[in-house]
N, C-alpha and C. Protein backbone atom coordinates (compact mmCIF):
# COMPACT_ATOMS: atom_id res chain seq x y z
N MET A 1 -9.22 -14.37 -10.31
CA MET A 1 -8.60 -14.62 -9.01
C MET A 1 -8.78 -16.07 -8.57
N THR A 2 -9.90 -16.67 -8.92
CA THR A 2 -10.15 -18.07 -8.52
C THR A 2 -9.08 -18.99 -9.05
N VAL A 3 -8.69 -18.79 -10.30
CA VAL A 3 -7.65 -19.63 -10.91
C VAL A 3 -6.33 -19.46 -10.15
N ALA A 4 -5.98 -18.22 -9.80
CA ALA A 4 -4.74 -17.96 -9.08
C ALA A 4 -4.77 -18.61 -7.69
N LEU A 5 -5.90 -18.52 -7.01
CA LEU A 5 -6.00 -19.12 -5.67
C LEU A 5 -5.91 -20.63 -5.75
N ASP A 6 -6.53 -21.22 -6.76
CA ASP A 6 -6.45 -22.67 -6.92
C ASP A 6 -5.01 -23.09 -7.19
N GLU A 7 -4.33 -22.33 -8.01
CA GLU A 7 -2.94 -22.65 -8.34
C GLU A 7 -2.05 -22.54 -7.10
N LEU A 8 -2.20 -21.46 -6.34
CA LEU A 8 -1.40 -21.29 -5.13
C LEU A 8 -1.70 -22.38 -4.11
N SER A 9 -2.97 -22.73 -3.96
CA SER A 9 -3.36 -23.76 -3.00
C SER A 9 -2.78 -25.12 -3.38
N SER A 10 -2.70 -25.38 -4.68
CA SER A 10 -2.13 -26.65 -5.11
C SER A 10 -0.62 -26.70 -4.90
N ARG A 11 0.03 -25.53 -4.88
CA ARG A 11 1.48 -25.47 -4.69
C ARG A 11 1.85 -25.62 -3.23
N ASP A 12 1.02 -25.10 -2.33
CA ASP A 12 1.43 -25.00 -0.93
C ASP A 12 0.24 -25.24 0.00
N PRO A 13 0.30 -26.25 0.87
CA PRO A 13 -0.82 -26.55 1.77
C PRO A 13 -1.09 -25.44 2.77
N VAL A 14 -0.07 -24.66 3.13
CA VAL A 14 -0.29 -23.54 4.05
C VAL A 14 -1.19 -22.49 3.40
N VAL A 15 -0.91 -22.18 2.15
CA VAL A 15 -1.77 -21.23 1.43
C VAL A 15 -3.18 -21.79 1.33
N ALA A 16 -3.29 -23.08 1.05
CA ALA A 16 -4.62 -23.70 0.96
C ALA A 16 -5.39 -23.51 2.27
N GLY A 17 -4.70 -23.67 3.41
CA GLY A 17 -5.35 -23.47 4.69
C GLY A 17 -5.76 -22.04 4.93
N LEU A 18 -4.92 -21.10 4.50
CA LEU A 18 -5.24 -19.68 4.66
C LEU A 18 -6.45 -19.30 3.80
N VAL A 19 -6.50 -19.84 2.60
CA VAL A 19 -7.64 -19.57 1.72
C VAL A 19 -8.93 -20.12 2.34
N ALA A 20 -8.85 -21.32 2.90
CA ALA A 20 -10.02 -21.92 3.52
C ALA A 20 -10.48 -21.10 4.73
N ARG A 21 -9.54 -20.53 5.48
CA ARG A 21 -9.88 -19.80 6.69
C ARG A 21 -10.41 -18.40 6.39
N HIS A 22 -9.78 -17.73 5.42
CA HIS A 22 -10.07 -16.31 5.21
C HIS A 22 -10.84 -16.01 3.93
N GLY A 23 -11.04 -16.99 3.09
CA GLY A 23 -11.79 -16.75 1.86
C GLY A 23 -11.01 -15.94 0.84
N ARG A 24 -11.73 -15.38 -0.11
CA ARG A 24 -11.10 -14.60 -1.18
C ARG A 24 -10.60 -13.27 -0.64
N PRO A 25 -9.41 -12.84 -1.07
CA PRO A 25 -8.89 -11.54 -0.64
C PRO A 25 -9.81 -10.40 -1.06
N GLN A 26 -9.83 -9.37 -0.24
CA GLN A 26 -10.63 -8.19 -0.52
C GLN A 26 -9.70 -7.06 -0.99
N PHE A 27 -9.81 -6.73 -2.25
CA PHE A 27 -9.03 -5.62 -2.82
C PHE A 27 -10.00 -4.61 -3.43
N PRO A 28 -9.68 -3.32 -3.34
CA PRO A 28 -10.54 -2.33 -4.00
C PRO A 28 -10.41 -2.45 -5.52
N ALA A 29 -11.36 -1.87 -6.22
CA ALA A 29 -11.28 -1.85 -7.68
C ALA A 29 -10.09 -1.01 -8.12
N ARG A 30 -9.56 -1.34 -9.26
CA ARG A 30 -8.41 -0.61 -9.80
C ARG A 30 -8.78 0.85 -10.03
N ALA A 31 -7.94 1.74 -9.51
CA ALA A 31 -8.23 3.17 -9.61
C ALA A 31 -7.73 3.73 -10.93
N HIS A 32 -8.43 4.73 -11.42
CA HIS A 32 -8.05 5.38 -12.67
C HIS A 32 -8.01 6.89 -12.47
N GLY A 33 -7.30 7.57 -13.34
CA GLY A 33 -7.31 9.02 -13.40
C GLY A 33 -7.01 9.71 -12.09
N SER A 34 -7.85 10.68 -11.75
CA SER A 34 -7.62 11.49 -10.56
C SER A 34 -7.68 10.68 -9.27
N ALA A 35 -8.36 9.53 -9.30
CA ALA A 35 -8.44 8.70 -8.10
C ALA A 35 -7.06 8.18 -7.69
N ARG A 36 -6.15 8.08 -8.64
CA ARG A 36 -4.79 7.62 -8.31
C ARG A 36 -4.05 8.65 -7.47
N PHE A 37 -4.20 9.91 -7.82
CA PHE A 37 -3.58 10.97 -7.01
C PHE A 37 -4.15 10.95 -5.60
N GLU A 38 -5.46 10.88 -5.51
CA GLU A 38 -6.11 10.90 -4.20
C GLU A 38 -5.70 9.70 -3.37
N SER A 39 -5.52 8.55 -4.01
CA SER A 39 -5.11 7.35 -3.30
C SER A 39 -3.72 7.51 -2.69
N LEU A 40 -2.78 8.05 -3.46
CA LEU A 40 -1.43 8.24 -2.93
C LEU A 40 -1.42 9.30 -1.84
N ALA A 41 -2.19 10.36 -2.02
CA ALA A 41 -2.27 11.39 -0.99
C ALA A 41 -2.81 10.79 0.31
N ARG A 42 -3.80 9.93 0.20
CA ARG A 42 -4.36 9.28 1.38
C ARG A 42 -3.31 8.41 2.06
N SER A 43 -2.51 7.70 1.27
CA SER A 43 -1.46 6.86 1.85
C SER A 43 -0.46 7.68 2.64
N ILE A 44 -0.14 8.87 2.13
CA ILE A 44 0.79 9.74 2.83
C ILE A 44 0.20 10.17 4.17
N VAL A 45 -1.08 10.53 4.16
CA VAL A 45 -1.74 10.95 5.40
C VAL A 45 -1.72 9.82 6.42
N PHE A 46 -1.93 8.59 5.98
CA PHE A 46 -2.07 7.46 6.89
C PHE A 46 -0.73 6.89 7.39
N GLN A 47 0.38 7.31 6.81
CA GLN A 47 1.67 6.77 7.21
C GLN A 47 1.92 6.96 8.70
N GLN A 48 2.28 5.85 9.38
CA GLN A 48 2.73 5.86 10.78
C GLN A 48 1.71 6.46 11.74
N LEU A 49 0.43 6.33 11.40
CA LEU A 49 -0.62 6.81 12.30
C LEU A 49 -1.60 5.67 12.59
N ALA A 50 -2.16 5.66 13.78
CA ALA A 50 -3.22 4.71 14.09
C ALA A 50 -4.43 5.00 13.21
N GLY A 51 -5.19 3.96 12.91
CA GLY A 51 -6.28 4.07 11.96
C GLY A 51 -7.28 5.16 12.27
N ASN A 52 -7.74 5.27 13.53
CA ASN A 52 -8.76 6.26 13.88
C ASN A 52 -8.24 7.69 13.72
N ALA A 53 -7.00 7.91 14.17
CA ALA A 53 -6.42 9.25 14.06
C ALA A 53 -6.22 9.63 12.60
N ALA A 54 -5.71 8.69 11.80
CA ALA A 54 -5.48 8.97 10.39
C ALA A 54 -6.79 9.23 9.67
N THR A 55 -7.82 8.46 10.00
CA THR A 55 -9.12 8.64 9.36
C THR A 55 -9.68 10.02 9.66
N ALA A 56 -9.55 10.47 10.91
CA ALA A 56 -10.07 11.78 11.30
C ALA A 56 -9.33 12.90 10.57
N ILE A 57 -8.00 12.79 10.49
CA ILE A 57 -7.22 13.83 9.81
C ILE A 57 -7.55 13.84 8.32
N HIS A 58 -7.66 12.66 7.74
CA HIS A 58 -7.98 12.59 6.32
C HIS A 58 -9.36 13.18 6.04
N ARG A 59 -10.30 12.93 6.93
CA ARG A 59 -11.65 13.49 6.76
C ARG A 59 -11.60 15.02 6.80
N ARG A 60 -10.83 15.56 7.75
CA ARG A 60 -10.71 17.02 7.83
C ARG A 60 -10.04 17.58 6.57
N LEU A 61 -9.06 16.85 6.05
CA LEU A 61 -8.39 17.29 4.83
C LEU A 61 -9.37 17.34 3.66
N VAL A 62 -10.12 16.27 3.47
CA VAL A 62 -11.08 16.22 2.36
C VAL A 62 -12.11 17.33 2.49
N GLU A 63 -12.65 17.49 3.68
CA GLU A 63 -13.66 18.53 3.89
C GLU A 63 -13.07 19.93 3.69
N GLY A 64 -11.83 20.10 4.19
CA GLY A 64 -11.19 21.41 4.07
C GLY A 64 -10.85 21.79 2.65
N LEU A 65 -10.64 20.78 1.80
CA LEU A 65 -10.31 21.04 0.39
C LEU A 65 -11.56 21.05 -0.49
N GLY A 66 -12.72 21.05 0.14
CA GLY A 66 -13.95 21.16 -0.62
C GLY A 66 -14.50 19.86 -1.13
N GLY A 67 -14.08 18.76 -0.51
CA GLY A 67 -14.65 17.46 -0.86
C GLY A 67 -13.84 16.64 -1.83
N GLU A 68 -12.76 17.20 -2.37
CA GLU A 68 -11.96 16.46 -3.34
C GLU A 68 -10.49 16.84 -3.17
N VAL A 69 -9.63 15.82 -3.06
CA VAL A 69 -8.20 16.06 -2.90
C VAL A 69 -7.56 16.06 -4.28
N THR A 70 -7.18 17.24 -4.74
CA THR A 70 -6.57 17.40 -6.06
C THR A 70 -5.25 18.17 -5.91
N PRO A 71 -4.36 18.07 -6.90
CA PRO A 71 -3.13 18.87 -6.82
C PRO A 71 -3.41 20.35 -6.71
N GLU A 72 -4.39 20.82 -7.47
CA GLU A 72 -4.71 22.25 -7.46
C GLU A 72 -5.19 22.71 -6.08
N ALA A 73 -6.02 21.91 -5.44
CA ALA A 73 -6.55 22.27 -4.13
C ALA A 73 -5.44 22.28 -3.08
N ILE A 74 -4.55 21.31 -3.15
CA ILE A 74 -3.45 21.24 -2.19
C ILE A 74 -2.51 22.43 -2.36
N LEU A 75 -2.17 22.76 -3.59
CA LEU A 75 -1.27 23.89 -3.82
C LEU A 75 -1.91 25.20 -3.41
N ALA A 76 -3.21 25.33 -3.63
CA ALA A 76 -3.90 26.55 -3.22
C ALA A 76 -3.96 26.68 -1.70
N CYS A 77 -4.03 25.55 -1.03
CA CYS A 77 -4.11 25.56 0.44
C CYS A 77 -2.76 25.90 1.07
N GLY A 78 -1.69 25.34 0.51
CA GLY A 78 -0.35 25.60 1.03
C GLY A 78 -0.03 24.77 2.26
N PRO A 79 1.25 24.63 2.59
CA PRO A 79 1.66 23.79 3.73
C PRO A 79 1.03 24.20 5.05
N GLU A 80 0.97 25.49 5.32
CA GLU A 80 0.40 25.92 6.60
C GLU A 80 -1.09 25.62 6.68
N GLY A 81 -1.77 25.79 5.57
CA GLY A 81 -3.19 25.45 5.54
C GLY A 81 -3.42 23.97 5.75
N LEU A 82 -2.55 23.15 5.19
CA LEU A 82 -2.66 21.70 5.37
C LEU A 82 -2.42 21.32 6.83
N ARG A 83 -1.50 21.99 7.46
CA ARG A 83 -1.21 21.69 8.87
C ARG A 83 -2.42 22.01 9.75
N ALA A 84 -3.23 22.96 9.34
CA ALA A 84 -4.41 23.31 10.12
C ALA A 84 -5.42 22.16 10.18
N PHE A 85 -5.30 21.20 9.26
CA PHE A 85 -6.18 20.04 9.28
C PHE A 85 -5.67 18.93 10.18
N GLY A 86 -4.50 19.15 10.80
CA GLY A 86 -3.95 18.16 11.71
C GLY A 86 -2.75 17.41 11.16
N LEU A 87 -2.32 17.75 9.94
CA LEU A 87 -1.16 17.09 9.35
C LEU A 87 0.13 17.61 9.99
N SER A 88 1.09 16.72 10.11
CA SER A 88 2.41 17.15 10.59
C SER A 88 3.08 18.00 9.51
N GLY A 89 4.13 18.70 9.91
CA GLY A 89 4.87 19.50 8.94
C GLY A 89 5.44 18.64 7.81
N ALA A 90 5.93 17.45 8.18
CA ALA A 90 6.53 16.57 7.17
C ALA A 90 5.48 16.09 6.16
N LYS A 91 4.28 15.76 6.66
CA LYS A 91 3.25 15.28 5.74
C LYS A 91 2.68 16.41 4.88
N ALA A 92 2.56 17.58 5.47
CA ALA A 92 2.12 18.73 4.68
C ALA A 92 3.12 19.01 3.56
N ALA A 93 4.41 18.90 3.89
CA ALA A 93 5.44 19.12 2.88
C ALA A 93 5.40 18.03 1.82
N ALA A 94 5.13 16.79 2.24
CA ALA A 94 5.07 15.67 1.29
C ALA A 94 3.91 15.84 0.33
N LEU A 95 2.73 16.21 0.84
CA LEU A 95 1.57 16.42 -0.03
C LEU A 95 1.81 17.58 -0.99
N THR A 96 2.44 18.63 -0.49
CA THR A 96 2.74 19.78 -1.35
C THR A 96 3.72 19.39 -2.45
N ASP A 97 4.71 18.58 -2.08
CA ASP A 97 5.69 18.14 -3.07
C ASP A 97 5.03 17.24 -4.12
N LEU A 98 4.15 16.35 -3.67
CA LEU A 98 3.42 15.49 -4.61
C LEU A 98 2.61 16.34 -5.58
N ALA A 99 1.85 17.28 -5.05
CA ALA A 99 1.02 18.13 -5.90
C ALA A 99 1.87 18.94 -6.88
N SER A 100 3.01 19.45 -6.41
CA SER A 100 3.89 20.24 -7.28
C SER A 100 4.46 19.39 -8.41
N LYS A 101 4.86 18.17 -8.08
CA LYS A 101 5.45 17.29 -9.11
C LYS A 101 4.40 16.85 -10.13
N VAL A 102 3.16 16.70 -9.69
CA VAL A 102 2.09 16.39 -10.65
C VAL A 102 1.82 17.61 -11.52
N ALA A 103 1.78 18.79 -10.92
CA ALA A 103 1.49 20.01 -11.66
C ALA A 103 2.54 20.30 -12.73
N ASP A 104 3.82 20.00 -12.43
CA ASP A 104 4.87 20.30 -13.42
C ASP A 104 5.21 19.10 -14.30
N GLY A 105 4.46 18.00 -14.12
CA GLY A 105 4.63 16.86 -15.02
C GLY A 105 5.69 15.86 -14.64
N LYS A 106 6.38 16.07 -13.52
CA LYS A 106 7.40 15.11 -13.11
C LYS A 106 6.79 13.79 -12.68
N VAL A 107 5.59 13.84 -12.13
CA VAL A 107 4.83 12.63 -11.78
C VAL A 107 3.55 12.65 -12.60
N SER A 108 3.30 11.57 -13.32
CA SER A 108 2.11 11.48 -14.16
C SER A 108 1.29 10.26 -13.78
N PHE A 109 0.10 10.50 -13.26
CA PHE A 109 -0.78 9.38 -12.92
C PHE A 109 -1.55 8.89 -14.14
N ALA A 110 -1.56 9.68 -15.20
CA ALA A 110 -2.25 9.26 -16.42
C ALA A 110 -1.51 8.12 -17.11
N ARG A 111 -0.19 8.15 -17.05
CA ARG A 111 0.60 7.13 -17.75
C ARG A 111 1.21 6.09 -16.83
N ILE A 112 1.02 6.23 -15.53
CA ILE A 112 1.72 5.35 -14.60
C ILE A 112 1.27 3.90 -14.73
N GLY A 113 0.04 3.70 -15.19
CA GLY A 113 -0.46 2.34 -15.36
C GLY A 113 0.26 1.56 -16.45
N ARG A 114 0.98 2.26 -17.33
CA ARG A 114 1.72 1.59 -18.40
C ARG A 114 3.13 1.23 -17.99
N LEU A 115 3.55 1.64 -16.80
CA LEU A 115 4.90 1.36 -16.33
C LEU A 115 4.98 -0.02 -15.68
N SER A 116 6.16 -0.60 -15.67
CA SER A 116 6.39 -1.85 -14.94
C SER A 116 6.34 -1.57 -13.45
N ASP A 117 6.27 -2.62 -12.65
CA ASP A 117 6.24 -2.44 -11.19
C ASP A 117 7.47 -1.67 -10.72
N ALA A 118 8.63 -2.06 -11.19
CA ALA A 118 9.87 -1.39 -10.77
C ALA A 118 9.87 0.07 -11.20
N GLU A 119 9.35 0.34 -12.39
CA GLU A 119 9.30 1.72 -12.88
C GLU A 119 8.31 2.56 -12.07
N VAL A 120 7.21 1.96 -11.64
CA VAL A 120 6.24 2.69 -10.80
C VAL A 120 6.90 3.11 -9.49
N VAL A 121 7.62 2.18 -8.87
CA VAL A 121 8.32 2.50 -7.62
C VAL A 121 9.32 3.64 -7.85
N GLU A 122 10.11 3.53 -8.91
CA GLU A 122 11.10 4.57 -9.22
C GLU A 122 10.42 5.91 -9.47
N HIS A 123 9.27 5.87 -10.13
CA HIS A 123 8.53 7.09 -10.46
C HIS A 123 8.00 7.78 -9.21
N LEU A 124 7.55 6.99 -8.23
CA LEU A 124 6.89 7.56 -7.06
C LEU A 124 7.86 7.96 -5.95
N VAL A 125 8.98 7.27 -5.81
CA VAL A 125 9.87 7.57 -4.69
C VAL A 125 10.59 8.90 -4.86
N GLN A 126 10.44 9.53 -6.03
CA GLN A 126 11.01 10.87 -6.19
C GLN A 126 10.21 11.91 -5.40
N VAL A 127 9.01 11.50 -4.96
CA VAL A 127 8.17 12.40 -4.16
C VAL A 127 8.63 12.36 -2.71
N ARG A 128 8.75 13.51 -2.11
CA ARG A 128 9.14 13.59 -0.70
C ARG A 128 8.15 12.80 0.16
N GLY A 129 8.68 11.96 1.05
CA GLY A 129 7.85 11.20 1.96
C GLY A 129 7.30 9.91 1.39
N VAL A 130 7.58 9.61 0.13
CA VAL A 130 7.12 8.36 -0.48
C VAL A 130 8.33 7.44 -0.64
N GLY A 131 8.32 6.35 0.13
CA GLY A 131 9.38 5.36 0.04
C GLY A 131 8.91 4.12 -0.69
N PRO A 132 9.76 3.11 -0.77
CA PRO A 132 9.39 1.88 -1.47
C PRO A 132 8.12 1.23 -0.95
N TRP A 133 7.92 1.23 0.40
CA TRP A 133 6.72 0.59 0.94
C TRP A 133 5.44 1.28 0.46
N THR A 134 5.41 2.61 0.51
CA THR A 134 4.23 3.34 0.05
C THR A 134 3.98 3.08 -1.43
N ALA A 135 5.05 3.05 -2.21
CA ALA A 135 4.91 2.77 -3.64
C ALA A 135 4.38 1.35 -3.86
N GLU A 136 4.84 0.40 -3.06
CA GLU A 136 4.35 -0.98 -3.19
C GLU A 136 2.87 -1.08 -2.84
N MET A 137 2.43 -0.36 -1.82
CA MET A 137 1.01 -0.37 -1.48
C MET A 137 0.19 0.25 -2.60
N PHE A 138 0.74 1.26 -3.25
CA PHE A 138 0.07 1.86 -4.40
C PHE A 138 -0.06 0.84 -5.53
N LEU A 139 0.99 0.08 -5.76
CA LEU A 139 0.95 -0.97 -6.78
C LEU A 139 -0.14 -2.00 -6.47
N MET A 140 -0.21 -2.41 -5.21
CA MET A 140 -1.14 -3.47 -4.82
C MET A 140 -2.59 -3.00 -4.83
N PHE A 141 -2.84 -1.88 -4.18
CA PHE A 141 -4.22 -1.50 -3.88
C PHE A 141 -4.81 -0.44 -4.82
N THR A 142 -3.95 0.31 -5.52
CA THR A 142 -4.46 1.31 -6.45
C THR A 142 -4.40 0.80 -7.89
N LEU A 143 -3.25 0.23 -8.26
CA LEU A 143 -3.11 -0.31 -9.61
C LEU A 143 -3.49 -1.78 -9.70
N ARG A 144 -3.68 -2.42 -8.56
CA ARG A 144 -4.07 -3.83 -8.50
C ARG A 144 -3.08 -4.75 -9.24
N ARG A 145 -1.78 -4.51 -9.03
CA ARG A 145 -0.77 -5.36 -9.64
C ARG A 145 -0.74 -6.70 -8.89
N PRO A 146 -0.65 -7.83 -9.59
CA PRO A 146 -0.83 -9.14 -8.97
C PRO A 146 0.41 -9.74 -8.32
N ASP A 147 1.59 -9.17 -8.60
CA ASP A 147 2.80 -9.86 -8.14
C ASP A 147 3.71 -8.96 -7.31
N VAL A 148 3.12 -8.22 -6.38
CA VAL A 148 3.88 -7.35 -5.48
C VAL A 148 4.20 -8.13 -4.22
N TRP A 149 5.44 -8.03 -3.77
CA TRP A 149 5.89 -8.79 -2.60
C TRP A 149 6.64 -7.83 -1.69
N PRO A 150 5.93 -7.16 -0.76
CA PRO A 150 6.55 -6.12 0.08
C PRO A 150 7.38 -6.71 1.21
N THR A 151 8.59 -7.06 0.90
CA THR A 151 9.45 -7.78 1.86
C THR A 151 9.83 -6.95 3.07
N GLY A 152 9.72 -5.63 2.98
CA GLY A 152 10.04 -4.79 4.13
C GLY A 152 8.87 -4.56 5.06
N ASP A 153 7.70 -5.09 4.72
CA ASP A 153 6.51 -4.87 5.53
C ASP A 153 6.53 -5.80 6.76
N TYR A 154 6.41 -5.21 7.94
CA TYR A 154 6.47 -5.99 9.18
C TYR A 154 5.37 -7.04 9.23
N GLY A 155 4.15 -6.65 8.83
CA GLY A 155 3.03 -7.58 8.90
C GLY A 155 3.20 -8.77 7.99
N VAL A 156 3.74 -8.56 6.80
CA VAL A 156 3.97 -9.67 5.88
C VAL A 156 5.03 -10.60 6.45
N ARG A 157 6.09 -10.03 7.00
CA ARG A 157 7.15 -10.86 7.58
C ARG A 157 6.63 -11.64 8.79
N ALA A 158 5.89 -10.96 9.67
CA ALA A 158 5.36 -11.62 10.87
C ALA A 158 4.33 -12.68 10.49
N GLY A 159 3.47 -12.34 9.53
CA GLY A 159 2.45 -13.29 9.12
C GLY A 159 3.03 -14.51 8.44
N TYR A 160 4.06 -14.31 7.65
CA TYR A 160 4.70 -15.46 7.00
C TYR A 160 5.29 -16.38 8.06
N ALA A 161 5.98 -15.81 9.04
CA ALA A 161 6.57 -16.63 10.10
C ALA A 161 5.50 -17.40 10.86
N ALA A 162 4.38 -16.73 11.15
CA ALA A 162 3.30 -17.38 11.89
C ALA A 162 2.65 -18.49 11.07
N ALA A 163 2.35 -18.21 9.82
CA ALA A 163 1.63 -19.18 8.99
C ALA A 163 2.48 -20.40 8.67
N TRP A 164 3.75 -20.17 8.41
CA TRP A 164 4.62 -21.28 8.01
C TRP A 164 5.41 -21.85 9.18
N GLY A 165 5.13 -21.38 10.40
CA GLY A 165 5.73 -21.95 11.59
C GLY A 165 7.21 -21.73 11.73
N LEU A 166 7.70 -20.57 11.34
CA LEU A 166 9.12 -20.27 11.48
C LEU A 166 9.43 -19.82 12.91
N ALA A 167 10.63 -20.11 13.36
CA ALA A 167 11.03 -19.75 14.72
C ALA A 167 11.23 -18.25 14.87
N ALA A 168 11.57 -17.57 13.77
CA ALA A 168 11.79 -16.12 13.81
C ALA A 168 11.30 -15.53 12.50
N MET A 169 11.02 -14.24 12.54
CA MET A 169 10.60 -13.56 11.32
C MET A 169 11.73 -13.60 10.29
N PRO A 170 11.42 -13.88 9.04
CA PRO A 170 12.46 -13.81 8.01
C PRO A 170 12.88 -12.36 7.78
N SER A 171 14.13 -12.17 7.44
CA SER A 171 14.58 -10.84 7.04
C SER A 171 13.99 -10.52 5.68
N PRO A 172 14.00 -9.24 5.28
CA PRO A 172 13.50 -8.92 3.94
C PRO A 172 14.20 -9.72 2.85
N ARG A 173 15.49 -9.92 2.99
CA ARG A 173 16.23 -10.70 1.98
C ARG A 173 15.78 -12.15 1.98
N GLU A 174 15.60 -12.71 3.16
CA GLU A 174 15.12 -14.09 3.25
C GLU A 174 13.71 -14.23 2.70
N LEU A 175 12.85 -13.23 3.00
CA LEU A 175 11.48 -13.29 2.52
C LEU A 175 11.42 -13.17 1.00
N GLU A 176 12.31 -12.41 0.43
CA GLU A 176 12.37 -12.31 -1.03
C GLU A 176 12.57 -13.68 -1.65
N ALA A 177 13.50 -14.45 -1.09
CA ALA A 177 13.76 -15.79 -1.63
C ALA A 177 12.58 -16.72 -1.36
N LEU A 178 11.97 -16.61 -0.20
CA LEU A 178 10.85 -17.48 0.15
C LEU A 178 9.64 -17.24 -0.75
N GLY A 179 9.51 -16.04 -1.25
CA GLY A 179 8.37 -15.71 -2.07
C GLY A 179 8.49 -16.10 -3.53
N GLU A 180 9.67 -16.51 -3.94
CA GLU A 180 9.88 -16.81 -5.36
C GLU A 180 8.90 -17.85 -5.88
N ARG A 181 8.58 -18.85 -5.08
CA ARG A 181 7.74 -19.93 -5.57
C ARG A 181 6.27 -19.51 -5.78
N PHE A 182 5.94 -18.32 -5.29
CA PHE A 182 4.56 -17.85 -5.44
C PHE A 182 4.35 -16.93 -6.63
N ARG A 183 5.41 -16.63 -7.39
CA ARG A 183 5.23 -15.83 -8.60
C ARG A 183 4.24 -16.54 -9.53
N PRO A 184 3.41 -15.85 -10.25
CA PRO A 184 3.23 -14.39 -10.33
C PRO A 184 2.01 -13.91 -9.53
N HIS A 185 1.81 -14.49 -8.35
CA HIS A 185 0.62 -14.17 -7.54
C HIS A 185 1.00 -13.72 -6.13
N ARG A 186 2.14 -13.06 -5.98
CA ARG A 186 2.62 -12.77 -4.62
C ARG A 186 1.78 -11.73 -3.89
N SER A 187 1.02 -10.89 -4.61
CA SER A 187 0.14 -9.93 -3.92
C SER A 187 -0.90 -10.68 -3.09
N LEU A 188 -1.41 -11.77 -3.63
CA LEU A 188 -2.40 -12.57 -2.90
C LEU A 188 -1.78 -13.18 -1.65
N VAL A 189 -0.57 -13.70 -1.78
CA VAL A 189 0.10 -14.32 -0.63
C VAL A 189 0.38 -13.26 0.44
N ALA A 190 0.77 -12.06 0.02
CA ALA A 190 1.01 -10.98 0.98
C ALA A 190 -0.26 -10.67 1.77
N TRP A 191 -1.41 -10.65 1.07
CA TRP A 191 -2.69 -10.39 1.74
C TRP A 191 -2.95 -11.46 2.81
N TYR A 192 -2.69 -12.72 2.50
CA TYR A 192 -2.91 -13.78 3.47
C TYR A 192 -1.89 -13.70 4.62
N CYS A 193 -0.69 -13.22 4.34
CA CYS A 193 0.27 -13.02 5.42
C CYS A 193 -0.24 -11.98 6.42
N TRP A 194 -0.85 -10.92 5.93
CA TRP A 194 -1.44 -9.93 6.84
C TRP A 194 -2.54 -10.55 7.69
N ARG A 195 -3.34 -11.40 7.09
CA ARG A 195 -4.41 -12.06 7.85
C ARG A 195 -3.80 -12.98 8.90
N ALA A 196 -2.73 -13.69 8.56
CA ALA A 196 -2.08 -14.58 9.52
C ALA A 196 -1.49 -13.79 10.68
N ALA A 197 -0.95 -12.60 10.39
CA ALA A 197 -0.42 -11.74 11.46
C ALA A 197 -1.53 -11.28 12.38
N GLU A 198 -2.70 -10.96 11.81
CA GLU A 198 -3.85 -10.55 12.63
C GLU A 198 -4.33 -11.71 13.49
N ASP A 199 -4.34 -12.91 12.93
CA ASP A 199 -4.73 -14.10 13.71
C ASP A 199 -3.81 -14.28 14.91
N ARG A 200 -2.52 -14.07 14.67
CA ARG A 200 -1.55 -14.25 15.74
C ARG A 200 -1.78 -13.24 16.85
N ARG A 201 -2.07 -11.98 16.49
CA ARG A 201 -2.33 -10.96 17.50
C ARG A 201 -3.60 -11.28 18.29
N SER A 202 -4.62 -11.72 17.58
CA SER A 202 -5.89 -12.02 18.26
C SER A 202 -5.76 -13.23 19.18
N ASP A 203 -4.81 -14.11 18.87
CA ASP A 203 -4.57 -15.27 19.73
C ASP A 203 -3.67 -14.94 20.90
N GLY A 204 -3.16 -13.70 20.92
CA GLY A 204 -2.30 -13.27 22.03
C GLY A 204 -0.89 -13.73 21.93
N ALA A 205 -0.47 -14.15 20.73
CA ALA A 205 0.90 -14.63 20.56
C ALA A 205 1.86 -13.47 20.47
């Protein structure tokens, strides 16, 4: 990562400033095996919820399933059982669909690490409730792919505008073009965009 940060900093003074302010990005270790299923299930639970509420629901889910979120446990629980943990009907259906597709082999977390970024997204969006953004977060934080550029993410767009002093947030299409110069390290730049967006909020902008 040090080599990538040095390279990005040499390309762009704004990135250099972000690195100096925020230090090295914090990413979890690359997940393997069953942890990949649990990671995606957690992402589904957390979609469109405030952090504290999502954390509480996820905790109840884990405890209710006996301490481990697996396809077998989810299918045994069923949609109504999942809703008893505080999940919405849509999220209970999404988790059930994910578990079903893993059980019948339509989604394979054992081989997903061998797929390209685009293939991972295509593989995951077949699951109910999993869109491109959720798949991109899986690429970044579960598979630790280095060149993910989530152009539809509000925080990345807002942070880019704040850090680079743009008058307005770039559209996803505009952000796609703006990110080209950061290949093949765009995941790192996205992380710094989130930090820049947080700085802007804390400054009251």
